[in-house]
């Protein structure tokens, strides 16, 4: 357990609760949880401990949300696992590339993509409001495995912020899913990528397990409640949260690029 005050532990647990809810609804919980850990851990702590502890917390909430969704949403679990395994391979490759390059040059590109995505969702109110009645072709399934799996998985290993949100958008567009089902599928994919990343951080010994276990309880509650909220409120609600998270990601990346 790191040497932090009881007040800071409470703050981190509340941040974990909120992050679990956000992540379950539309992805992007790390936007809140990782900065909270970076600020809350003792000064001088390497970023690897924040990253490792973040993954140990997030995998619990993501798994809880995935189980909740799988019970009540029409999720193709087998397809989600196939995409997840591709994402695991992609994130591993991305992590290796990230070790030898600066990711700062890519952040402006990601910001432009996010602004474009947000604009598209605003101008297309029907996007993701209802699943298509047309069967999904094998070509689209392969595209989902390649783009949502390998491509976004690679991005997760290389940079990371907004991976869950990108997954929701890609799955909605490629597989003609509604936003709720896309969120459900993304949670299963996220379980795979989180497991791979956590294994790496655990092997390196950069996880505060006691703190992670405490925060994970709150993250699990947030994730489960978030999944129930999305299922109850429907795709219109998820769309509003999606736009909020997209533009929050843009602001966060812009701050990291030019103000930090």
Protein backbone atom coordinates (compact mmCIF):
# COMPACT_ATOMS: atom_id res chain seq x y z
CA UNK A 1 0.00 0.00 0.00
CA UNK A 2 1.49 3.39 -0.96
CA UNK A 3 2.03 5.99 1.75
CA UNK A 4 -1.02 8.22 1.14
CA UNK A 5 -3.56 9.80 3.48
CA UNK A 6 -6.97 8.33 4.26
CA UNK A 7 -8.55 11.36 2.59
CA UNK A 8 -6.68 10.64 -0.64
CA UNK A 9 -7.73 6.97 -0.49
CA UNK A 10 -11.37 8.09 -0.24
CA UNK A 11 -10.90 10.48 -3.20
CA UNK A 12 -9.34 7.71 -5.30
CA UNK A 13 -12.18 5.33 -4.43
CA UNK A 14 -14.80 7.91 -5.45
CA UNK A 15 -12.91 8.58 -8.69
CA UNK A 16 -12.86 4.83 -9.29
CA UNK A 17 -16.62 4.66 -8.77
CA UNK A 18 -17.28 7.45 -11.28
CA UNK A 19 -14.77 6.04 -13.77
CA UNK A 20 -16.44 2.64 -13.62
CA UNK A 21 -19.81 4.21 -14.46
CA UNK A 22 -18.43 6.24 -17.38
CA UNK A 23 -16.48 3.30 -18.75
CA UNK A 24 -19.49 0.97 -18.64
CA UNK A 25 -21.76 3.41 -20.46
CA UNK A 26 -19.48 4.41 -23.32
CA UNK A 27 -15.81 3.89 -22.47
CA UNK A 28 -13.27 6.51 -21.44
CA UNK A 29 -13.22 5.87 -17.69
CA UNK A 30 -9.43 6.02 -17.75
CA UNK A 31 -9.79 9.71 -18.58
CA UNK A 32 -10.75 10.19 -14.92
CA UNK A 33 -9.08 7.28 -13.14
CA UNK A 34 -5.52 7.53 -14.48
CA UNK A 35 -5.08 11.27 -13.77
CA UNK A 36 -6.52 10.69 -10.28
CA UNK A 37 -3.87 8.04 -9.62
CA UNK A 38 -1.08 10.18 -11.06
CA UNK A 39 -2.08 13.00 -8.70
CA UNK A 40 -2.90 10.83 -5.69
CA UNK A 41 0.15 8.58 -5.48
CA UNK A 42 3.18 9.86 -3.55
CA UNK A 43 5.44 12.29 -5.39
CA UNK A 44 8.33 10.54 -7.03
CA UNK A 45 6.26 7.44 -7.84
CA UNK A 46 6.95 6.32 -11.40
CA UNK A 47 4.11 6.48 -13.90
CA UNK A 48 4.33 2.70 -14.35
CA UNK A 49 2.77 2.19 -10.91
CA UNK A 50 -0.16 4.45 -11.81
CA UNK A 51 -0.62 2.62 -15.11
CA UNK A 52 -0.36 -0.82 -13.53
CA UNK A 53 -2.71 -0.01 -10.65
CA UNK A 54 -5.13 1.59 -13.11
CA UNK A 55 -5.30 -1.64 -15.14
CA UNK A 56 -5.76 -3.78 -12.01
CA UNK A 57 -8.72 -1.60 -11.01
CA UNK A 58 -10.23 -1.21 -14.48
CA UNK A 59 -10.29 -4.90 -15.36
CA UNK A 60 -12.61 -5.60 -12.41
CA UNK A 61 -15.13 -2.91 -13.33
CA UNK A 62 -14.95 -3.79 -17.01
CA UNK A 63 -15.56 -7.47 -16.26
CA UNK A 64 -18.55 -6.64 -14.06
CA UNK A 65 -20.03 -4.43 -16.77
CA UNK A 66 -19.37 -7.10 -19.42
CA UNK A 67 -21.23 -9.74 -17.38
CA UNK A 68 -24.17 -7.39 -16.79
CA UNK A 69 -24.40 -6.54 -20.48
CA UNK A 70 -24.00 -10.15 -21.61
CA UNK A 71 -26.99 -11.18 -19.48
CA UNK A 72 -29.38 -8.57 -20.84
CA UNK A 73 -28.09 -7.26 -24.18
CA UNK A 74 -27.98 -9.19 -27.49
CA UNK A 75 -24.19 -9.57 -27.50
CA UNK A 76 -22.35 -11.96 -29.82
CA UNK A 77 -19.86 -13.10 -27.17
CA UNK A 78 -17.86 -15.31 -29.58
CA UNK A 79 -17.34 -12.43 -32.02
CA UNK A 80 -16.45 -10.09 -29.15
CA UNK A 81 -13.79 -12.53 -27.92
CA UNK A 82 -12.35 -12.88 -31.45
CA UNK A 83 -12.06 -9.09 -31.70
CA UNK A 84 -10.65 -9.02 -28.17
CA UNK A 85 -7.88 -11.50 -28.99
CA UNK A 86 -6.94 -9.40 -32.03
CA UNK A 87 -6.94 -6.31 -29.79
CA UNK A 88 -4.68 -8.10 -27.32
CA UNK A 89 -2.17 -8.76 -30.10
CA UNK A 90 -2.50 -5.19 -31.35
CA UNK A 91 -1.98 -3.63 -27.91
CA UNK A 92 1.12 -5.75 -27.35
CA UNK A 93 2.58 -4.53 -30.63
CA UNK A 94 1.63 -0.94 -29.81
CA UNK A 95 3.37 -1.16 -26.43
CA UNK A 96 6.58 -2.34 -28.08
CA UNK A 97 6.45 0.53 -30.60
CA UNK A 98 5.67 3.07 -27.86
CA UNK A 99 8.85 2.07 -26.03
CA UNK A 100 10.95 3.43 -28.86
CA UNK A 101 9.12 6.57 -29.99
CA UNK A 102 7.42 9.71 -28.76
CA UNK A 103 3.64 9.54 -28.98
CA UNK A 104 3.31 13.34 -28.80
CA UNK A 105 3.40 13.60 -32.59
CA UNK A 106 0.31 11.40 -32.83
CA UNK A 107 -1.85 13.30 -30.35
CA UNK A 108 -2.85 16.10 -32.77
CA UNK A 109 -3.93 13.45 -35.28
CA UNK A 110 -6.05 11.72 -32.65
CA UNK A 111 -7.62 15.07 -31.69
CA UNK A 112 -8.59 15.77 -35.31
CA UNK A 113 -10.11 12.28 -35.60
CA UNK A 114 -12.08 12.77 -32.38
CA UNK A 115 -13.43 16.15 -33.49
CA UNK A 116 -14.47 14.57 -36.79
CA UNK A 117 -16.16 11.70 -34.97
CA UNK A 118 -18.00 14.06 -32.63
CA UNK A 119 -19.17 16.18 -35.56
CA UNK A 120 -20.36 13.07 -37.40
CA UNK A 121 -22.38 11.86 -34.40
CA UNK A 122 -23.95 15.31 -33.97
CA UNK A 123 -24.91 15.57 -37.66
CA UNK A 124 -26.22 11.98 -37.76
CA UNK A 125 -28.79 11.79 -34.92
CA UNK A 126 -29.85 8.30 -36.01
CA UNK A 127 -26.31 6.89 -35.67
CA UNK A 128 -26.44 3.93 -33.32
CA UNK A 129 -30.04 4.47 -32.22
CA UNK A 130 -31.19 1.11 -33.56
CA UNK A 131 -29.47 -2.01 -34.94
CA UNK A 132 -29.66 -2.72 -38.64
CA UNK A 133 -32.00 -5.49 -39.76
CA UNK A 134 -29.57 -6.52 -42.50
CA UNK A 135 -27.21 -9.43 -41.75
CA UNK A 136 -23.57 -8.49 -41.24
CA UNK A 137 -21.36 -9.80 -44.03
CA UNK A 138 -18.18 -11.82 -43.33
CA UNK A 139 -16.23 -8.95 -44.86
CA UNK A 140 -17.56 -6.56 -42.22
CA UNK A 141 -16.72 -9.06 -39.48
CA UNK A 142 -13.13 -9.26 -40.74
CA UNK A 143 -13.01 -5.46 -40.91
CA UNK A 144 -14.18 -5.29 -37.29
CA UNK A 145 -11.50 -7.75 -36.20
CA UNK A 146 -8.86 -5.79 -38.13
CA UNK A 147 -9.89 -2.24 -37.25
CA UNK A 148 -11.61 -2.57 -33.87
CA UNK A 149 -9.30 -5.39 -32.82
CA UNK A 150 -5.79 -4.97 -34.22
CA UNK A 151 -6.06 -1.26 -35.06
CA UNK A 152 -7.62 0.11 -31.88
CA UNK A 153 -5.72 -2.44 -29.81
CA UNK A 154 -2.50 -1.07 -31.31
CA UNK A 155 -3.65 2.46 -30.41
CA UNK A 156 -4.36 1.29 -26.85
CA UNK A 157 -0.79 0.03 -26.45
CA UNK A 158 0.68 3.09 -28.16
CA UNK A 159 -1.30 5.95 -26.54
CA UNK A 160 -4.41 4.67 -24.77
CA UNK A 161 -6.90 7.47 -23.93
CA UNK A 162 -10.36 6.86 -25.38
CA UNK A 163 -9.82 3.25 -26.45
CA UNK A 164 -13.24 2.18 -25.18
CA UNK A 165 -14.92 5.11 -26.92
CA UNK A 166 -13.19 4.31 -30.23
CA UNK A 167 -14.29 0.70 -29.87
CA UNK A 168 -17.94 1.71 -29.40
CA UNK A 169 -17.83 3.94 -32.48
CA UNK A 170 -16.05 1.38 -34.68
CA UNK A 171 -18.34 -1.49 -33.66
CA UNK A 172 -21.44 0.64 -34.25
CA UNK A 173 -20.26 1.66 -37.71
CA UNK A 174 -18.84 -1.67 -38.89
CA UNK A 175 -21.31 -4.14 -37.44
CA UNK A 176 -24.43 -1.92 -37.58
CA UNK A 177 -24.97 -2.27 -33.84
CA UNK A 178 -26.95 0.11 -31.68
CA UNK A 179 -24.86 2.04 -29.17
CA UNK A 180 -25.94 -0.08 -26.20
CA UNK A 181 -24.96 -3.36 -27.87
CA UNK A 182 -21.73 -1.78 -29.12
CA UNK A 183 -20.90 -0.69 -25.56
CA UNK A 184 -21.59 -4.23 -24.35
CA UNK A 185 -19.34 -5.73 -27.02
CA UNK A 186 -16.61 -3.18 -26.31
CA UNK A 187 -16.53 -4.20 -22.65
CA UNK A 188 -15.69 -7.81 -23.58
CA UNK A 189 -12.96 -6.60 -25.94
CA UNK A 190 -11.63 -4.33 -23.17
CA UNK A 191 -11.42 -7.27 -20.79
CA UNK A 192 -8.97 -8.94 -23.18
CA UNK A 193 -6.76 -5.87 -23.64
CA UNK A 194 -6.79 -5.07 -19.91
CA UNK A 195 -5.79 -8.63 -19.07
CA UNK A 196 -2.79 -8.47 -21.37
CA UNK A 197 -1.65 -5.10 -20.06
CA UNK A 198 -2.17 -6.12 -16.43
CA UNK A 199 -0.09 -9.27 -16.96
CA UNK A 200 2.77 -7.12 -18.24
CA UNK A 201 2.60 -4.65 -15.34
CA UNK A 202 2.27 -7.48 -12.80
CA UNK A 203 5.33 -9.21 -14.28
CA UNK A 204 7.26 -5.94 -13.89
CA UNK A 205 6.00 -5.57 -10.31
CA UNK A 206 4.44 -2.14 -10.87
CA UNK A 207 1.01 -2.66 -9.29
CA UNK A 208 -0.10 -1.46 -5.85
CA UNK A 209 -2.29 -4.51 -5.23
CA UNK A 210 -3.83 -3.48 -1.89
CA UNK A 211 -4.88 -0.05 -3.17
CA UNK A 212 -6.06 -1.59 -6.43
CA UNK A 213 -8.21 -4.15 -4.58
CA UNK A 214 -9.94 -1.43 -2.56
CA UNK A 215 -10.52 0.82 -5.56
CA UNK A 216 -11.66 -2.15 -7.65
CA UNK A 217 -14.66 -2.69 -5.36
CA UNK A 218 -15.87 0.84 -6.12
CA UNK A 219 -15.04 0.46 -9.83
CA UNK A 220 -17.06 -2.76 -9.95
CA UNK A 221 -20.07 -1.03 -8.39
CA UNK A 222 -19.74 1.88 -10.83
CA UNK A 223 -19.37 -0.44 -13.81
CA UNK A 224 -22.36 -2.56 -12.88
CA UNK A 225 -24.56 0.47 -12.22
CA UNK A 226 -23.37 2.09 -15.46
CA UNK A 227 -24.27 -0.99 -17.49
CA UNK A 228 -27.74 -1.10 -15.89
CA UNK A 229 -28.17 2.63 -16.61
CA UNK A 230 -27.25 2.24 -20.28
CA UNK A 231 -29.58 -0.75 -20.66
CA UNK A 232 -32.43 1.11 -18.99
CA UNK A 233 -31.97 4.52 -20.63
CA UNK A 234 -31.16 3.24 -24.13
CA UNK A 235 -29.06 4.44 -27.06
CA UNK A 236 -30.20 8.07 -26.88
CA UNK A 237 -28.71 8.41 -23.41
CA UNK A 238 -25.51 6.63 -24.45
CA UNK A 239 -25.21 9.04 -27.40
CA UNK A 240 -25.21 12.06 -25.06
CA UNK A 241 -22.56 10.49 -22.80
CA UNK A 242 -20.55 9.50 -25.89
CA UNK A 243 -20.40 13.08 -27.17
CA UNK A 244 -19.46 14.35 -23.72
CA UNK A 245 -16.60 11.86 -23.43
CA UNK A 246 -15.37 12.50 -27.01
CA UNK A 247 -14.99 16.23 -26.45
CA UNK A 248 -13.53 15.66 -22.97
CA UNK A 249 -10.90 13.48 -24.63
CA UNK A 250 -10.13 16.26 -27.13
CA UNK A 251 -9.71 18.75 -24.28
CA UNK A 252 -7.50 16.32 -22.32
CA UNK A 253 -5.23 15.58 -25.29
CA UNK A 254 -5.02 19.28 -26.17
CA UNK A 255 -3.96 20.07 -22.61
CA UNK A 256 -1.30 17.33 -22.67
CA UNK A 257 -0.01 18.54 -26.04
CA UNK A 258 0.18 22.28 -25.51
CA UNK A 259 -0.41 23.25 -21.87
CA UNK A 260 1.20 20.54 -19.72
